[in-house]
């Protein structure tokens, strides 16, 4: 049980993964769409999605050639919202490629 909690919180310890989660809290996305949302290459996005899925945060479904990712369940969604993940807004023009993100109150860098 402790190991699963460690995986969960370790998965949240990355700015790119937090950005991905902020999008997925609003909608389900194809992995190919997450690439354009984060300005990261497909390999990097795939690694981040894999970490989030292995931590029990995301689920995925294959539809033809596409893999659609979404938040695992309503309980996980609520926990992420309580942790403030839903308030994270990806940086737009000032993104520096390091997975930087910002909240409504201040800017946080990975």
PDB file of N, CA and C in Angstrom:
ATOM      1  N   UNK A   1       0.818  -1.189   0.000  1.00  0.00           N
ATOM      2  CA  UNK A   1       0.000   0.000   0.000  1.00  0.00           C
ATOM      3  C   UNK A   1       0.864   1.255   0.000  1.00  0.00           C
ATOM      4  N   UNK A   2       1.906   1.284   0.805  1.00  0.00           N
ATOM      5  CA  UNK A   2       2.800   2.422   0.854  1.00  0.00           C
ATOM      6  C   UNK A   2       3.496   2.609  -0.493  1.00  0.00           C
ATOM      7  N   UNK A   3       3.872   1.504  -1.118  1.00  0.00           N
ATOM      8  CA  UNK A   3       4.540   1.576  -2.421  1.00  0.00           C
ATOM      9  C   UNK A   3       3.646   2.238  -3.471  1.00  0.00           C
ATOM     10  N   UNK A   4       2.363   1.953  -3.465  1.00  0.00           N
ATOM     11  CA  UNK A   4       1.460   2.567  -4.435  1.00  0.00           C
ATOM     12  C   UNK A   4       1.310   4.064  -4.184  1.00  0.00           C
ATOM     13  N   UNK A   5       1.327   4.483  -2.922  1.00  0.00           N
ATOM     14  CA  UNK A   5       1.260   5.906  -2.607  1.00  0.00           C
ATOM     15  C   UNK A   5       2.539   6.617  -3.039  1.00  0.00           C
ATOM     16  N   UNK A   6       3.661   5.966  -2.849  1.00  0.00           N
ATOM     17  CA  UNK A   6       4.938   6.539  -3.286  1.00  0.00           C
ATOM     18  C   UNK A   6       4.927   6.726  -4.801  1.00  0.00           C
ATOM     19  N   UNK A   7       4.471   5.719  -5.537  1.00  0.00           N
ATOM     20  CA  UNK A   7       4.372   5.823  -7.004  1.00  0.00           C
ATOM     21  C   UNK A   7       3.453   6.964  -7.413  1.00  0.00           C
ATOM     22  N   UNK A   8       2.321   7.094  -6.725  1.00  0.00           N
ATOM     23  CA  UNK A   8       1.352   8.139  -7.024  1.00  0.00           C
ATOM     24  C   UNK A   8       1.989   9.516  -6.889  1.00  0.00           C
ATOM     25  N   UNK A   9       2.600   9.786  -5.735  1.00  0.00           N
ATOM     26  CA  UNK A   9       3.161  11.113  -5.502  1.00  0.00           C
ATOM     27  C   UNK A   9       4.428  11.362  -6.306  1.00  0.00           C
ATOM     28  N   UNK A  10       5.193  10.325  -6.566  1.00  0.00           N
ATOM     29  CA  UNK A  10       6.378  10.484  -7.408  1.00  0.00           C
ATOM     30  C   UNK A  10       5.961  10.850  -8.840  1.00  0.00           C
ATOM     31  N   UNK A  11       4.861  10.281  -9.298  1.00  0.00           N
ATOM     32  CA  UNK A  11       4.361  10.608 -10.645  1.00  0.00           C
ATOM     33  C   UNK A  11       3.955  12.077 -10.739  1.00  0.00           C
ATOM     34  N   UNK A  12       3.557  12.666  -9.618  1.00  0.00           N
ATOM     35  CA  UNK A  12       3.141  14.068  -9.605  1.00  0.00           C
ATOM     36  C   UNK A  12       4.330  15.029  -9.482  1.00  0.00           C
ATOM     37  N   UNK A  13       5.525  14.498  -9.342  1.00  0.00           N
ATOM     38  CA  UNK A  13       6.703  15.324  -9.096  1.00  0.00           C
ATOM     39  C   UNK A  13       7.388  15.779 -10.389  1.00  0.00           C
ATOM     40  N   UNK A  14       6.605  16.045 -11.419  1.00  0.00           N
ATOM     41  CA  UNK A  14       7.178  16.483 -12.691  1.00  0.00           C
ATOM     42  C   UNK A  14       6.226  17.488 -13.337  1.00  0.00           C
ATOM     43  N   UNK A  15       6.758  18.615 -13.783  1.00  0.00           N
ATOM     44  CA  UNK A  15       5.941  19.663 -14.384  1.00  0.00           C
ATOM     45  C   UNK A  15       5.213  19.235 -15.634  1.00  0.00           C
ATOM     46  N   UNK A  16       5.859  18.436 -16.469  1.00  0.00           N
ATOM     47  CA  UNK A  16       5.207  17.970 -17.694  1.00  0.00           C
ATOM     48  C   UNK A  16       4.024  17.067 -17.362  1.00  0.00           C
ATOM     49  N   UNK A  17       4.206  16.176 -16.394  1.00  0.00           N
ATOM     50  CA  UNK A  17       3.103  15.289 -16.006  1.00  0.00           C
ATOM     51  C   UNK A  17       1.952  16.080 -15.382  1.00  0.00           C
ATOM     52  N   UNK A  18       2.259  17.117 -14.619  1.00  0.00           N
ATOM     53  CA  UNK A  18       1.200  17.959 -14.060  1.00  0.00           C
ATOM     54  C   UNK A  18       0.439  18.681 -15.166  1.00  0.00           C
ATOM     55  N   UNK A  19       1.158  19.135 -16.173  1.00  0.00           N
ATOM     56  CA  UNK A  19       0.514  19.784 -17.318  1.00  0.00           C
ATOM     57  C   UNK A  19      -0.406  18.804 -18.028  1.00  0.00           C
ATOM     58  N   UNK A  20       0.072  17.598 -18.259  1.00  0.00           N
ATOM     59  CA  UNK A  20      -0.742  16.561 -18.903  1.00  0.00           C
ATOM     60  C   UNK A  20      -2.007  16.310 -18.078  1.00  0.00           C
ATOM     61  N   UNK A  21      -1.846  16.179 -16.777  1.00  0.00           N
ATOM     62  CA  UNK A  21      -3.001  15.923 -15.911  1.00  0.00           C
ATOM     63  C   UNK A  21      -3.991  17.082 -15.924  1.00  0.00           C
ATOM     64  N   UNK A  22      -3.494  18.310 -16.004  1.00  0.00           N
ATOM     65  CA  UNK A  22      -4.417  19.450 -16.035  1.00  0.00           C
ATOM     66  C   UNK A  22      -5.315  19.391 -17.260  1.00  0.00           C
ATOM     67  N   UNK A  23      -4.780  18.921 -18.382  1.00  0.00           N
ATOM     68  CA  UNK A  23      -5.600  18.741 -19.587  1.00  0.00           C
ATOM     69  C   UNK A  23      -6.559  17.570 -19.422  1.00  0.00           C
ATOM     70  N   UNK A  24      -6.059  16.469 -18.879  1.00  0.00           N
ATOM     71  CA  UNK A  24      -6.881  15.265 -18.761  1.00  0.00           C
ATOM     72  C   UNK A  24      -7.981  15.393 -17.706  1.00  0.00           C
ATOM     73  N   UNK A  25      -7.846  16.320 -16.793  1.00  0.00           N
ATOM     74  CA  UNK A  25      -8.931  16.563 -15.839  1.00  0.00           C
ATOM     75  C   UNK A  25     -10.139  17.173 -16.537  1.00  0.00           C
ATOM     76  N   UNK A  26      -9.919  17.801 -17.686  1.00  0.00           N
ATOM     77  CA  UNK A  26     -11.007  18.424 -18.442  1.00  0.00           C
ATOM     78  C   UNK A  26     -11.580  17.505 -19.513  1.00  0.00           C
ATOM     79  N   UNK A  27     -10.733  16.712 -20.174  1.00  0.00           N
ATOM     80  CA  UNK A  27     -11.155  15.855 -21.289  1.00  0.00           C
ATOM     81  C   UNK A  27     -10.245  14.643 -21.394  1.00  0.00           C
ATOM     82  N   UNK A  28     -10.699  13.638 -22.112  1.00  0.00           N
ATOM     83  CA  UNK A  28      -9.833  12.522 -22.506  1.00  0.00           C
ATOM     84  C   UNK A  28      -9.099  12.951 -23.771  1.00  0.00           C
ATOM     85  N   UNK A  29      -7.882  12.469 -23.932  1.00  0.00           N
ATOM     86  CA  UNK A  29      -7.099  12.837 -25.108  1.00  0.00           C
ATOM     87  C   UNK A  29      -6.370  11.635 -25.672  1.00  0.00           C
ATOM     88  N   UNK A  30      -6.221  11.659 -26.975  1.00  0.00           N
ATOM     89  CA  UNK A  30      -5.350  10.713 -27.669  1.00  0.00           C
ATOM     90  C   UNK A  30      -3.911  11.093 -27.331  1.00  0.00           C
ATOM     91  N   UNK A  31      -3.056  10.105 -27.206  1.00  0.00           N
ATOM     92  CA  UNK A  31      -1.643  10.377 -26.927  1.00  0.00           C
ATOM     93  C   UNK A  31      -1.053  11.324 -27.969  1.00  0.00           C
ATOM     94  N   UNK A  32      -1.485  11.197 -29.209  1.00  0.00           N
ATOM     95  CA  UNK A  32      -0.971  12.063 -30.276  1.00  0.00           C
ATOM     96  C   UNK A  32      -1.357  13.520 -30.040  1.00  0.00           C
ATOM     97  N   UNK A  33      -2.514  13.776 -29.427  1.00  0.00           N
ATOM     98  CA  UNK A  33      -2.942  15.144 -29.126  1.00  0.00           C
ATOM     99  C   UNK A  33      -2.179  15.715 -27.934  1.00  0.00           C
ATOM    100  N   UNK A  34      -1.820  14.872 -26.992  1.00  0.00           N
ATOM    101  CA  UNK A  34      -1.063  15.327 -25.825  1.00  0.00           C
ATOM    102  C   UNK A  34       0.289  15.874 -26.275  1.00  0.00           C
ATOM    103  N   UNK A  35       0.849  15.302 -27.311  1.00  0.00           N
ATOM    104  CA  UNK A  35       2.124  15.776 -27.846  1.00  0.00           C
ATOM    105  C   UNK A  35       2.037  17.238 -28.241  1.00  0.00           C
ATOM    106  N   UNK A  36       0.992  17.611 -28.952  1.00  0.00           N
ATOM    107  CA  UNK A  36       0.860  19.006 -29.379  1.00  0.00           C
ATOM    108  C   UNK A  36       0.483  19.929 -28.218  1.00  0.00           C
ATOM    109  N   UNK A  37      -0.242  19.423 -27.231  1.00  0.00           N
ATOM    110  CA  UNK A  37      -0.626  20.242 -26.082  1.00  0.00           C
ATOM    111  C   UNK A  37       0.571  20.603 -25.211  1.00  0.00           C
ATOM    112  N   UNK A  38       1.561  19.730 -25.152  1.00  0.00           N
ATOM    113  CA  UNK A  38       2.702  19.943 -24.259  1.00  0.00           C
ATOM    114  C   UNK A  38       3.954  20.423 -24.972  1.00  0.00           C
ATOM    115  N   UNK A  39       3.945  20.465 -26.278  1.00  0.00           N
ATOM    116  CA  UNK A  39       5.137  20.827 -27.061  1.00  0.00           C
ATOM    117  C   UNK A  39       6.316  19.898 -26.777  1.00  0.00           C
ATOM    118  N   UNK A  40       6.019  18.658 -26.453  1.00  0.00           N
ATOM    119  CA  UNK A  40       7.049  17.643 -26.218  1.00  0.00           C
ATOM    120  C   UNK A  40       6.980  16.623 -27.342  1.00  0.00           C
ATOM    121  N   UNK A  41       8.088  15.931 -27.590  1.00  0.00           N
ATOM    122  CA  UNK A  41       8.087  14.915 -28.640  1.00  0.00           C
ATOM    123  C   UNK A  41       7.326  13.680 -28.178  1.00  0.00           C
ATOM    124  N   UNK A  42       6.947  12.844 -29.131  1.00  0.00           N
ATOM    125  CA  UNK A  42       6.105  11.671 -28.855  1.00  0.00           C
ATOM    126  C   UNK A  42       6.745  10.718 -27.851  1.00  0.00           C
ATOM    127  N   UNK A  43       8.050  10.526 -27.945  1.00  0.00           N
ATOM    128  CA  UNK A  43       8.732   9.615 -27.021  1.00  0.00           C
ATOM    129  C   UNK A  43       8.635  10.126 -25.588  1.00  0.00           C
ATOM    130  N   UNK A  44       8.864  11.411 -25.395  1.00  0.00           N
ATOM    131  CA  UNK A  44       8.795  12.010 -24.058  1.00  0.00           C
ATOM    132  C   UNK A  44       7.380  11.914 -23.497  1.00  0.00           C
ATOM    133  N   UNK A  45       6.395  12.260 -24.308  1.00  0.00           N
ATOM    134  CA  UNK A  45       4.997  12.198 -23.875  1.00  0.00           C
ATOM    135  C   UNK A  45       4.624  10.768 -23.514  1.00  0.00           C
ATOM    136  N   UNK A  46       5.030   9.816 -24.328  1.00  0.00           N
ATOM    137  CA  UNK A  46       4.715   8.406 -24.054  1.00  0.00           C
ATOM    138  C   UNK A  46       5.294   7.955 -22.717  1.00  0.00           C
ATOM    139  N   UNK A  47       6.514   8.380 -22.423  1.00  0.00           N
ATOM    140  CA  UNK A  47       7.133   8.017 -21.141  1.00  0.00           C
ATOM    141  C   UNK A  47       6.351   8.603 -19.970  1.00  0.00           C
ATOM    142  N   UNK A  48       5.941   9.859 -20.102  1.00  0.00           N
ATOM    143  CA  UNK A  48       5.181  10.497 -19.027  1.00  0.00           C
ATOM    144  C   UNK A  48       3.814   9.831 -18.847  1.00  0.00           C
ATOM    145  N   UNK A  49       3.144   9.524 -19.936  1.00  0.00           N
ATOM    146  CA  UNK A  49       1.849   8.855 -19.854  1.00  0.00           C
ATOM    147  C   UNK A  49       1.992   7.473 -19.214  1.00  0.00           C
ATOM    148  N   UNK A  50       3.061   6.778 -19.531  1.00  0.00           N
ATOM    149  CA  UNK A  50       3.312   5.458 -18.956  1.00  0.00           C
ATOM    150  C   UNK A  50       3.502   5.559 -17.441  1.00  0.00           C
ATOM    151  N   UNK A  51       4.263   6.543 -16.987  1.00  0.00           N
ATOM    152  CA  UNK A  51       4.476   6.736 -15.548  1.00  0.00           C
ATOM    153  C   UNK A  51       3.145   7.007 -14.848  1.00  0.00           C
ATOM    154  N   UNK A  52       2.325   7.868 -15.448  1.00  0.00           N
ATOM    155  CA  UNK A  52       1.027   8.197 -14.853  1.00  0.00           C
ATOM    156  C   UNK A  52       0.092   6.988 -14.825  1.00  0.00           C
ATOM    157  N   UNK A  53       0.119   6.182 -15.866  1.00  0.00           N
ATOM    158  CA  UNK A  53      -0.724   4.981 -15.905  1.00  0.00           C
ATOM    159  C   UNK A  53      -0.241   3.948 -14.886  1.00  0.00           C
ATOM    160  N   UNK A  54       1.077   3.757 -14.787  1.00  0.00           N
ATOM    161  CA  UNK A  54       1.630   2.791 -13.838  1.00  0.00           C
ATOM    162  C   UNK A  54       1.390   3.212 -12.388  1.00  0.00           C
ATOM    163  N   UNK A  55       1.247   4.517 -12.167  1.00  0.00           N
ATOM    164  CA  UNK A  55       0.981   5.020 -10.820  1.00  0.00           C
ATOM    165  C   UNK A  55      -0.499   4.912 -10.466  1.00  0.00           C
ATOM    166  N   UNK A  56      -1.310   4.445 -11.400  1.00  0.00           N
ATOM    167  CA  UNK A  56      -2.729   4.279 -11.139  1.00  0.00           C
ATOM    168  C   UNK A  56      -3.530   5.560 -11.259  1.00  0.00           C
ATOM    169  N   UNK A  57      -2.983   6.549 -11.944  1.00  0.00           N
ATOM    170  CA  UNK A  57      -3.665   7.833 -12.092  1.00  0.00           C
ATOM    171  C   UNK A  57      -4.474   7.868 -13.388  1.00  0.00           C
ATOM    172  N   UNK A  58      -3.931   7.258 -14.437  1.00  0.00           N
ATOM    173  CA  UNK A  58      -4.590   7.264 -15.743  1.00  0.00           C
ATOM    174  C   UNK A  58      -5.013   5.865 -16.157  1.00  0.00           C
ATOM    175  N   UNK A  59      -6.007   5.835 -17.012  1.00  0.00           N
ATOM    176  CA  UNK A  59      -6.382   4.606 -17.714  1.00  0.00           C
ATOM    177  C   UNK A  59      -6.309   4.932 -19.194  1.00  0.00           C
ATOM    178  N   UNK A  60      -6.224   3.893 -20.008  1.00  0.00           N
ATOM    179  CA  UNK A  60      -6.174   4.128 -21.441  1.00  0.00           C
ATOM    180  C   UNK A  60      -6.971   3.069 -22.170  1.00  0.00           C
ATOM    181  N   UNK A  61      -7.376   3.438 -23.369  1.00  0.00           N
ATOM    182  CA  UNK A  61      -8.189   2.569 -24.203  1.00  0.00           C
ATOM    183  C   UNK A  61      -7.693   2.705 -25.639  1.00  0.00           C
ATOM    184  N   UNK A  62      -7.483   1.572 -26.282  1.00  0.00           N
ATOM    185  CA  UNK A  62      -7.063   1.602 -27.679  1.00  0.00           C
ATOM    186  C   UNK A  62      -8.283   1.697 -28.572  1.00  0.00           C
ATOM    187  N   UNK A  63      -8.261   2.669 -29.475  1.00  0.00           N
ATOM    188  CA  UNK A  63      -9.310   2.833 -30.472  1.00  0.00           C
ATOM    189  C   UNK A  63      -8.631   2.898 -31.832  1.00  0.00           C
ATOM    190  N   UNK A  64      -8.617   1.755 -32.494  1.00  0.00           N
ATOM    191  CA  UNK A  64      -7.905   1.683 -33.765  1.00  0.00           C
ATOM    192  C   UNK A  64      -6.421   1.886 -33.526  1.00  0.00           C
ATOM    193  N   UNK A  65      -5.853   2.855 -34.223  1.00  0.00           N
ATOM    194  CA  UNK A  65      -4.417   3.154 -34.067  1.00  0.00           C
ATOM    195  C   UNK A  65      -4.145   4.108 -32.914  1.00  0.00           C
ATOM    196  N   UNK A  66      -5.187   4.680 -32.354  1.00  0.00           N
ATOM    197  CA  UNK A  66      -5.020   5.679 -31.295  1.00  0.00           C
ATOM    198  C   UNK A  66      -5.163   5.071 -29.910  1.00  0.00           C
ATOM    199  N   UNK A  67      -4.485   5.684 -28.959  1.00  0.00           N
ATOM    200  CA  UNK A  67      -4.613   5.322 -27.554  1.00  0.00           C
ATOM    201  C   UNK A  67      -5.175   6.549 -26.845  1.00  0.00           C
ATOM    202  N   UNK A  68      -6.352   6.378 -26.233  1.00  0.00           N
ATOM    203  CA  UNK A  68      -7.041   7.474 -25.567  1.00  0.00           C
ATOM    204  C   UNK A  68      -6.790   7.369 -24.062  1.00  0.00           C
ATOM    205  N   UNK A  69      -6.278   8.455 -23.476  1.00  0.00           N
ATOM    206  CA  UNK A  69      -5.980   8.493 -22.042  1.00  0.00           C
ATOM    207  C   UNK A  69      -7.012   9.329 -21.316  1.00  0.00           C
ATOM    208  N   UNK A  70      -7.323   8.912 -20.097  1.00  0.00           N
ATOM    209  CA  UNK A  70      -8.231   9.662 -19.237  1.00  0.00           C
ATOM    210  C   UNK A  70      -7.876   9.371 -17.784  1.00  0.00           C
ATOM    211  N   UNK A  71      -8.442  10.169 -16.881  1.00  0.00           N
ATOM    212  CA  UNK A  71      -8.234   9.952 -15.451  1.00  0.00           C
ATOM    213  C   UNK A  71      -8.879   8.623 -15.082  1.00  0.00           C
ATOM    214  N   UNK A  72      -8.213   7.848 -14.238  1.00  0.00           N
ATOM    215  CA  UNK A  72      -8.625   6.473 -13.918  1.00  0.00           C
ATOM    216  C   UNK A  72     -10.075   6.359 -13.460  1.00  0.00           C
ATOM    217  N   UNK A  73     -10.484   7.185 -12.507  1.00  0.00           N
ATOM    218  CA  UNK A  73     -11.845   7.106 -11.978  1.00  0.00           C
ATOM    219  C   UNK A  73     -12.189   8.411 -11.266  1.00  0.00           C
ATOM    220  N   UNK A  74     -13.417   8.498 -10.801  1.00  0.00           N
ATOM    221  CA  UNK A  74     -13.888   9.735 -10.162  1.00  0.00           C
ATOM    222  C   UNK A  74     -13.151   9.990  -8.845  1.00  0.00           C
ATOM    223  N   UNK A  75     -12.803   8.957  -8.128  1.00  0.00           N
ATOM    224  CA  UNK A  75     -12.068   9.105  -6.874  1.00  0.00           C
ATOM    225  C   UNK A  75     -10.696   9.739  -7.123  1.00  0.00           C
ATOM    226  N   UNK A  76     -10.007   9.264  -8.140  1.00  0.00           N
ATOM    227  CA  UNK A  76      -8.700   9.819  -8.493  1.00  0.00           C
ATOM    228  C   UNK A  76      -8.854  11.256  -8.971  1.00  0.00           C
ATOM    229  N   UNK A  77      -9.881  11.526  -9.778  1.00  0.00           N
ATOM    230  CA  UNK A  77     -10.148  12.887 -10.255  1.00  0.00           C
ATOM    231  C   UNK A  77     -10.326  13.846  -9.068  1.00  0.00           C
ATOM    232  N   UNK A  78     -11.126  13.419  -8.084  1.00  0.00           N
ATOM    233  CA  UNK A  78     -11.378  14.272  -6.917  1.00  0.00           C
ATOM    234  C   UNK A  78     -10.097  14.528  -6.136  1.00  0.00           C
ATOM    235  N   UNK A  79      -9.268  13.490  -5.971  1.00  0.00           N
ATOM    236  CA  UNK A  79      -8.013  13.657  -5.247  1.00  0.00           C
ATOM    237  C   UNK A  79      -7.105  14.656  -5.964  1.00  0.00           C
ATOM    238  N   UNK A  80      -7.005  14.547  -7.286  1.00  0.00           N
ATOM    239  CA  UNK A  80      -6.169  15.469  -8.055  1.00  0.00           C
ATOM    240  C   UNK A  80      -6.683  16.904  -7.927  1.00  0.00           C
ATOM    241  N   UNK A  81      -7.993  17.058  -7.919  1.00  0.00           N
ATOM    242  CA  UNK A  81      -8.570  18.390  -7.761  1.00  0.00           C
ATOM    243  C   UNK A  81      -8.297  18.945  -6.363  1.00  0.00           C
ATOM    244  N   UNK A  82      -8.392  18.096  -5.336  1.00  0.00           N
ATOM    245  CA  UNK A  82      -8.087  18.522  -3.969  1.00  0.00           C
ATOM    246  C   UNK A  82      -6.626  18.945  -3.862  1.00  0.00           C
ATOM    247  N   UNK A  83      -5.754  18.269  -4.578  1.00  0.00           N
ATOM    248  CA  UNK A  83      -4.331  18.603  -4.562  1.00  0.00           C
ATOM    249  C   UNK A  83      -4.014  19.860  -5.377  1.00  0.00           C
ATOM    250  N   UNK A  84      -5.008  20.399  -6.068  1.00  0.00           N
ATOM    251  CA  UNK A  84      -4.805  21.631  -6.832  1.00  0.00           C
ATOM    252  C   UNK A  84      -4.339  21.436  -8.260  1.00  0.00           C
ATOM    253  N   UNK A  85      -4.323  20.203  -8.741  1.00  0.00           N
ATOM    254  CA  UNK A  85      -3.847  19.930 -10.097  1.00  0.00           C
ATOM    255  C   UNK A  85      -4.733  20.612 -11.136  1.00  0.00           C
ATOM    256  N   UNK A  86      -6.018  20.724 -10.863  1.00  0.00           N
ATOM    257  CA  UNK A  86      -6.931  21.351 -11.810  1.00  0.00           C
ATOM    258  C   UNK A  86      -6.680  22.832 -11.988  1.00  0.00           C
ATOM    259  N   UNK A  87      -6.001  23.468 -11.032  1.00  0.00           N
ATOM    260  CA  UNK A  87      -5.715  24.894 -11.111  1.00  0.00           C
ATOM    261  C   UNK A  87      -4.465  25.188 -11.932  1.00  0.00           C
ATOM    262  N   UNK A  88      -3.700  24.158 -12.251  1.00  0.00           N
ATOM    263  CA  UNK A  88      -2.463  24.356 -13.001  1.00  0.00           C
ATOM    264  C   UNK A  88      -2.802  24.672 -14.440  1.00  0.00           C
ATOM    265  N   UNK A  89      -2.254  25.749 -14.902  1.00  0.00           N
ATOM    266  CA  UNK A  89      -2.452  26.140 -16.298  1.00  0.00           C
ATOM    267  C   UNK A  89      -1.088  26.104 -16.990  1.00  0.00           C
ATOM    268  N   UNK A  90      -1.004  25.368 -18.082  1.00  0.00           N
ATOM    269  CA  UNK A  90       0.272  25.317 -18.801  1.00  0.00           C
ATOM    270  C   UNK A  90       0.688  26.710 -19.254  1.00  0.00           C
ATOM    271  N   UNK A  91       1.960  26.977 -19.129  1.00  0.00           N
ATOM    272  CA  UNK A  91       2.475  28.256 -19.621  1.00  0.00           C
ATOM    273  C   UNK A  91       2.363  28.297 -21.131  1.00  0.00           C
ATOM    274  N   UNK A  92       2.054  29.383 -21.668  1.00  0.00           N
ATOM    275  CA  UNK A  92       1.841  29.528 -23.110  1.00  0.00           C
ATOM    276  C   UNK A  92       3.104  30.052 -23.768  1.00  0.00           C
ATOM    277  N   UNK A  93       3.215  31.364 -23.892  1.00  0.00           N
ATOM    278  CA  UNK A  93       4.328  31.961 -24.617  1.00  0.00           C
ATOM    279  C   UNK A  93       5.646  31.828 -23.878  1.00  0.00           C
ATOM    280  N   UNK A  94       5.610  31.770 -22.548  1.00  0.00           N
ATOM    281  CA  UNK A  94       6.858  31.758 -21.797  1.00  0.00           C
ATOM    282  C   UNK A  94       7.379  30.357 -21.510  1.00  0.00           C
ATOM    283  N   UNK A  95       6.753  29.336 -22.079  1.00  0.00           N
ATOM    284  CA  UNK A  95       7.193  27.967 -21.796  1.00  0.00           C
ATOM    285  C   UNK A  95       8.638  27.811 -22.250  1.00  0.00           C
ATOM    286  N   UNK A  96       9.455  27.246 -21.401  1.00  0.00           N
ATOM    287  CA  UNK A  96      10.876  27.134 -21.702  1.00  0.00           C
ATOM    288  C   UNK A  96      11.292  25.717 -22.066  1.00  0.00           C
ATOM    289  N   UNK A  97      10.336  24.831 -22.248  1.00  0.00           N
ATOM    290  CA  UNK A  97      10.666  23.472 -22.659  1.00  0.00           C
ATOM    291  C   UNK A  97      11.091  22.570 -21.516  1.00  0.00           C
ATOM    292  N   UNK A  98      11.093  23.098 -20.297  1.00  0.00           N
ATOM    293  CA  UNK A  98      11.536  22.286 -19.166  1.00  0.00           C
ATOM    294  C   UNK A  98      10.371  21.665 -18.418  1.00  0.00           C
ATOM    295  N   UNK A  99       9.160  21.821 -18.943  1.00  0.00           N
ATOM    296  CA  UNK A  99       8.006  21.324 -18.233  1.00  0.00           C
ATOM    297  C   UNK A  99       7.482  22.340 -17.247  1.00  0.00           C
ATOM    298  N   UNK A 100       7.839  23.618 -17.454  1.00  0.00           N
ATOM    299  CA  UNK A 100       7.387  24.667 -16.550  1.00  0.00           C
ATOM    300  C   UNK A 100       5.877  24.789 -16.618  1.00  0.00           C
ATOM    301  N   UNK A 101       5.294  25.210 -15.503  1.00  0.00           N
ATOM    302  CA  UNK A 101       3.863  25.399 -15.458  1.00  0.00           C
ATOM    303  C   UNK A 101       3.571  26.519 -14.471  1.00  0.00           C
ATOM    304  N   UNK A 102       2.357  27.001 -14.457  1.00  0.00           N
ATOM    305  CA  UNK A 102       2.001  28.040 -13.504  1.00  0.00           C
ATOM    306  C   UNK A 102       0.651  27.738 -12.878  1.00  0.00           C
ATOM    307  N   UNK A 103       0.407  28.334 -11.721  1.00  0.00           N
ATOM    308  CA  UNK A 103      -0.893  28.240 -11.080  1.00  0.00           C
ATOM    309  C   UNK A 103      -1.531  29.611 -11.166  1.00  0.00           C
ATOM    310  N   UNK A 104      -2.732  29.738 -10.668  1.00  0.00           N
ATOM    311  CA  UNK A 104      -3.395  31.035 -10.683  1.00  0.00           C
ATOM    312  C   UNK A 104      -2.671  32.056  -9.812  1.00  0.00           C
ATOM    313  N   UNK A 105      -1.991  31.609  -8.765  1.00  0.00           N
ATOM    314  CA  UNK A 105      -1.353  32.534  -7.851  1.00  0.00           C
ATOM    315  C   UNK A 105       0.068  32.929  -8.246  1.00  0.00           C
ATOM    316  N   UNK A 106       0.825  31.983  -8.711  1.00  0.00           N
ATOM    317  CA  UNK A 106       2.227  32.280  -8.988  1.00  0.00           C
ATOM    318  C   UNK A 106       2.778  31.327 -10.027  1.00  0.00           C
ATOM    319  N   UNK A 107       3.985  31.584 -10.449  1.00  0.00           N
ATOM    320  CA  UNK A 107       4.623  30.713 -11.431  1.00  0.00           C
ATOM    321  C   UNK A 107       5.558  29.765 -10.721  1.00  0.00           C
ATOM    322  N   UNK A 108       5.512  28.486 -11.086  1.00  0.00           N
ATOM    323  CA  UNK A 108       6.343  27.462 -10.498  1.00  0.00           C
ATOM    324  C   UNK A 108       7.151  26.821 -11.608  1.00  0.00           C
ATOM    325  N   UNK A 109       8.382  26.605 -11.370  1.00  0.00           N
ATOM    326  CA  UNK A 109       9.247  25.982 -12.382  1.00  0.00           C
ATOM    327  C   UNK A 109       9.667  24.607 -11.915  1.00  0.00           C
ATOM    328  N   UNK A 110       9.724  23.679 -12.873  1.00  0.00           N
ATOM    329  CA  UNK A 110      10.127  22.304 -12.591  1.00  0.00           C
ATOM    330  C   UNK A 110      11.605  22.257 -12.325  1.00  0.00           C
TER     331      UNK A 110
END
